[in-house]
Amino acid sequence: METTDAIWETAVLDGGPADGLHMRVSDRPRVIQVTYPCPVDAAPPGVRVEGVYVYRRDHGVTGEPLRYGFDVASP
């Protein structure tokens, strides 16, 4: 089995509901997905609802912190 040491970098989200959130990412993902739980009324057991927000990497930023901008058109 091959093992690799991930290289972690700091990233920050711009805009949207997670504006200013800092995190660590490895391998510079092109997209970050943020979910937020939504309360539900009278849901069957085990059902949950989450809002989904997409952030795309700003390829013009090459150093830390990497920047991800809110994609208002996604998903």
N, C-alpha and C. Protein backbone atom coordinates (compact mmCIF):
# COMPACT_ATOMS: atom_id res chain seq x y z
N MET A 1 0.84 -1.18 0.00
CA MET A 1 0.00 0.00 0.00
C MET A 1 0.88 1.24 0.00
N GLU A 2 0.57 2.16 -0.86
CA GLU A 2 1.35 3.38 -0.99
C GLU A 2 0.78 4.47 -0.08
N THR A 3 1.63 5.17 0.62
CA THR A 3 1.17 6.27 1.46
C THR A 3 1.77 7.57 0.95
N THR A 4 1.01 8.62 1.07
CA THR A 4 1.51 9.94 0.68
C THR A 4 1.28 10.89 1.83
N ASP A 5 2.16 11.83 1.95
CA ASP A 5 2.00 12.87 2.96
C ASP A 5 1.30 14.05 2.32
N ALA A 6 0.09 14.32 2.77
CA ALA A 6 -0.67 15.44 2.22
C ALA A 6 -0.02 16.76 2.62
N ILE A 7 -0.06 17.69 1.70
CA ILE A 7 0.40 19.04 2.00
C ILE A 7 -0.84 19.88 2.26
N TRP A 8 -0.93 20.42 3.46
CA TRP A 8 -2.09 21.19 3.88
C TRP A 8 -1.79 22.68 3.74
N GLU A 9 -2.78 23.42 3.23
CA GLU A 9 -2.64 24.86 3.07
C GLU A 9 -3.87 25.55 3.67
N THR A 10 -3.68 26.78 4.11
CA THR A 10 -4.79 27.56 4.63
C THR A 10 -5.60 28.13 3.47
N ALA A 11 -6.92 28.11 3.62
CA ALA A 11 -7.81 28.68 2.61
C ALA A 11 -8.87 29.51 3.33
N VAL A 12 -9.41 30.49 2.62
CA VAL A 12 -10.46 31.34 3.18
C VAL A 12 -11.58 31.44 2.15
N LEU A 13 -12.83 31.48 2.66
CA LEU A 13 -14.01 31.60 1.79
C LEU A 13 -14.43 33.06 1.70
N ASP A 14 -14.77 33.48 0.48
CA ASP A 14 -15.20 34.85 0.22
C ASP A 14 -16.67 34.86 -0.20
N GLY A 15 -17.48 35.67 0.49
CA GLY A 15 -18.88 35.83 0.13
C GLY A 15 -19.75 34.70 0.64
N GLY A 16 -21.04 34.82 0.36
CA GLY A 16 -21.99 33.79 0.73
C GLY A 16 -22.13 33.60 2.23
N PRO A 17 -22.79 32.53 2.62
CA PRO A 17 -23.09 32.31 4.03
C PRO A 17 -21.88 31.96 4.89
N ALA A 18 -20.78 31.53 4.29
CA ALA A 18 -19.59 31.15 5.06
C ALA A 18 -18.46 32.16 4.86
N ASP A 19 -18.81 33.40 4.53
CA ASP A 19 -17.82 34.44 4.27
C ASP A 19 -16.82 34.58 5.42
N GLY A 20 -15.55 34.55 5.07
CA GLY A 20 -14.49 34.72 6.06
C GLY A 20 -14.06 33.45 6.77
N LEU A 21 -14.72 32.34 6.52
CA LEU A 21 -14.36 31.08 7.17
C LEU A 21 -12.98 30.63 6.69
N HIS A 22 -12.10 30.29 7.65
CA HIS A 22 -10.76 29.78 7.33
C HIS A 22 -10.74 28.27 7.57
N MET A 23 -9.98 27.56 6.75
CA MET A 23 -9.86 26.11 6.88
C MET A 23 -8.53 25.66 6.32
N ARG A 24 -8.24 24.39 6.44
CA ARG A 24 -7.05 23.78 5.85
C ARG A 24 -7.52 22.84 4.75
N VAL A 25 -6.87 22.90 3.58
CA VAL A 25 -7.21 22.02 2.46
C VAL A 25 -5.93 21.35 1.97
N SER A 26 -6.09 20.20 1.36
CA SER A 26 -4.95 19.53 0.73
C SER A 26 -5.23 19.37 -0.75
N ASP A 27 -4.20 19.39 -1.55
CA ASP A 27 -4.28 19.18 -3.01
C ASP A 27 -5.07 20.26 -3.74
N ARG A 28 -5.25 21.42 -3.13
CA ARG A 28 -5.91 22.57 -3.76
C ARG A 28 -7.18 22.18 -4.53
N PRO A 29 -8.21 21.71 -3.85
CA PRO A 29 -9.44 21.33 -4.56
C PRO A 29 -10.01 22.52 -5.33
N ARG A 30 -10.62 22.23 -6.46
CA ARG A 30 -11.21 23.30 -7.29
C ARG A 30 -12.49 23.85 -6.67
N VAL A 31 -13.21 23.01 -5.93
CA VAL A 31 -14.50 23.39 -5.37
C VAL A 31 -14.56 22.97 -3.91
N ILE A 32 -15.14 23.84 -3.08
CA ILE A 32 -15.44 23.52 -1.68
C ILE A 32 -16.95 23.57 -1.54
N GLN A 33 -17.52 22.57 -0.92
CA GLN A 33 -18.97 22.54 -0.67
C GLN A 33 -19.21 22.76 0.81
N VAL A 34 -20.06 23.71 1.11
CA VAL A 34 -20.44 24.02 2.49
C VAL A 34 -21.91 23.65 2.64
N THR A 35 -22.24 22.93 3.71
CA THR A 35 -23.64 22.61 3.97
C THR A 35 -24.06 23.23 5.28
N TYR A 36 -25.34 23.53 5.36
CA TYR A 36 -25.89 24.14 6.56
C TYR A 36 -27.20 23.43 6.88
N PRO A 37 -27.35 22.88 8.09
CA PRO A 37 -28.58 22.16 8.42
C PRO A 37 -29.78 23.11 8.45
N CYS A 38 -30.90 22.62 7.95
CA CYS A 38 -32.15 23.38 7.95
C CYS A 38 -33.16 22.66 8.85
N PRO A 39 -33.83 23.40 9.74
CA PRO A 39 -34.85 22.76 10.57
C PRO A 39 -36.02 22.28 9.71
N VAL A 40 -36.56 21.14 10.07
CA VAL A 40 -37.72 20.61 9.35
C VAL A 40 -38.87 20.41 10.32
N ASP A 41 -40.07 20.54 9.83
CA ASP A 41 -41.27 20.33 10.64
C ASP A 41 -41.86 18.96 10.32
N ALA A 42 -42.13 18.18 11.34
CA ALA A 42 -42.81 16.89 11.21
C ALA A 42 -42.14 15.97 10.18
N ALA A 43 -40.83 15.86 10.24
CA ALA A 43 -40.11 15.00 9.30
C ALA A 43 -40.12 13.56 9.80
N PRO A 44 -40.14 12.61 8.89
CA PRO A 44 -40.02 11.21 9.29
C PRO A 44 -38.66 10.97 9.97
N PRO A 45 -38.56 9.96 10.79
CA PRO A 45 -37.29 9.67 11.47
C PRO A 45 -36.15 9.52 10.46
N GLY A 46 -35.02 10.13 10.77
CA GLY A 46 -33.83 10.02 9.95
C GLY A 46 -33.73 11.02 8.81
N VAL A 47 -34.80 11.76 8.53
CA VAL A 47 -34.77 12.73 7.43
C VAL A 47 -34.10 14.00 7.92
N ARG A 48 -33.20 14.53 7.12
CA ARG A 48 -32.59 15.81 7.42
C ARG A 48 -32.49 16.61 6.12
N VAL A 49 -32.46 17.90 6.26
CA VAL A 49 -32.40 18.79 5.11
C VAL A 49 -31.22 19.72 5.32
N GLU A 50 -30.42 19.92 4.27
CA GLU A 50 -29.27 20.81 4.35
C GLU A 50 -29.23 21.72 3.14
N GLY A 51 -28.92 22.99 3.39
CA GLY A 51 -28.65 23.90 2.30
C GLY A 51 -27.25 23.66 1.80
N VAL A 52 -27.03 23.71 0.50
CA VAL A 52 -25.72 23.46 -0.10
C VAL A 52 -25.23 24.74 -0.76
N TYR A 53 -23.99 25.10 -0.44
CA TYR A 53 -23.36 26.29 -0.99
C TYR A 53 -22.02 25.88 -1.60
N VAL A 54 -21.71 26.41 -2.78
CA VAL A 54 -20.50 26.03 -3.50
C VAL A 54 -19.55 27.23 -3.58
N TYR A 55 -18.28 26.96 -3.33
CA TYR A 55 -17.22 27.96 -3.43
C TYR A 55 -16.18 27.43 -4.40
N ARG A 56 -15.74 28.28 -5.33
CA ARG A 56 -14.76 27.88 -6.34
C ARG A 56 -13.43 28.58 -6.11
N ARG A 57 -12.35 27.82 -6.32
CA ARG A 57 -11.01 28.36 -6.07
C ARG A 57 -10.67 29.48 -7.04
N ASP A 58 -10.08 30.52 -6.52
CA ASP A 58 -9.57 31.64 -7.31
C ASP A 58 -8.17 31.24 -7.79
N HIS A 59 -8.04 30.90 -9.07
CA HIS A 59 -6.77 30.41 -9.61
C HIS A 59 -5.71 31.50 -9.69
N GLY A 60 -6.10 32.76 -9.54
CA GLY A 60 -5.14 33.85 -9.53
C GLY A 60 -4.35 33.95 -8.24
N VAL A 61 -4.85 33.30 -7.18
CA VAL A 61 -4.17 33.30 -5.89
C VAL A 61 -3.31 32.04 -5.82
N THR A 62 -1.99 32.23 -5.73
CA THR A 62 -1.09 31.08 -5.75
C THR A 62 -0.45 30.77 -4.41
N GLY A 63 -0.62 31.65 -3.42
CA GLY A 63 -0.04 31.41 -2.10
C GLY A 63 -1.12 31.43 -1.03
N GLU A 64 -0.70 31.11 0.17
CA GLU A 64 -1.66 31.09 1.28
C GLU A 64 -2.01 32.50 1.75
N PRO A 65 -3.21 32.73 2.17
CA PRO A 65 -4.30 31.77 2.13
C PRO A 65 -4.88 31.67 0.72
N LEU A 66 -5.17 30.43 0.30
CA LEU A 66 -5.89 30.24 -0.95
C LEU A 66 -7.27 30.87 -0.77
N ARG A 67 -7.88 31.29 -1.86
CA ARG A 67 -9.17 31.96 -1.76
C ARG A 67 -10.20 31.20 -2.60
N TYR A 68 -11.37 31.05 -2.02
CA TYR A 68 -12.49 30.41 -2.68
C TYR A 68 -13.67 31.38 -2.67
N GLY A 69 -14.21 31.69 -3.85
CA GLY A 69 -15.30 32.63 -3.97
C GLY A 69 -16.64 31.93 -4.05
N PHE A 70 -17.65 32.52 -3.44
CA PHE A 70 -19.00 31.97 -3.45
C PHE A 70 -19.53 31.97 -4.87
N ASP A 71 -20.08 30.83 -5.30
CA ASP A 71 -20.66 30.68 -6.63
C ASP A 71 -22.17 30.80 -6.49
N VAL A 72 -22.69 31.98 -6.75
CA VAL A 72 -24.12 32.25 -6.57
C VAL A 72 -24.98 31.41 -7.51
N ALA A 73 -24.43 30.93 -8.62
CA ALA A 73 -25.19 30.15 -9.60
C ALA A 73 -25.21 28.65 -9.31
N SER A 74 -24.51 28.20 -8.28
CA SER A 74 -24.45 26.76 -7.99
C SER A 74 -25.26 26.44 -6.74
N PRO A 75 -25.68 25.25 -6.59
CA PRO A 75 -25.60 24.16 -7.53
C PRO A 75 -26.68 24.23 -8.58
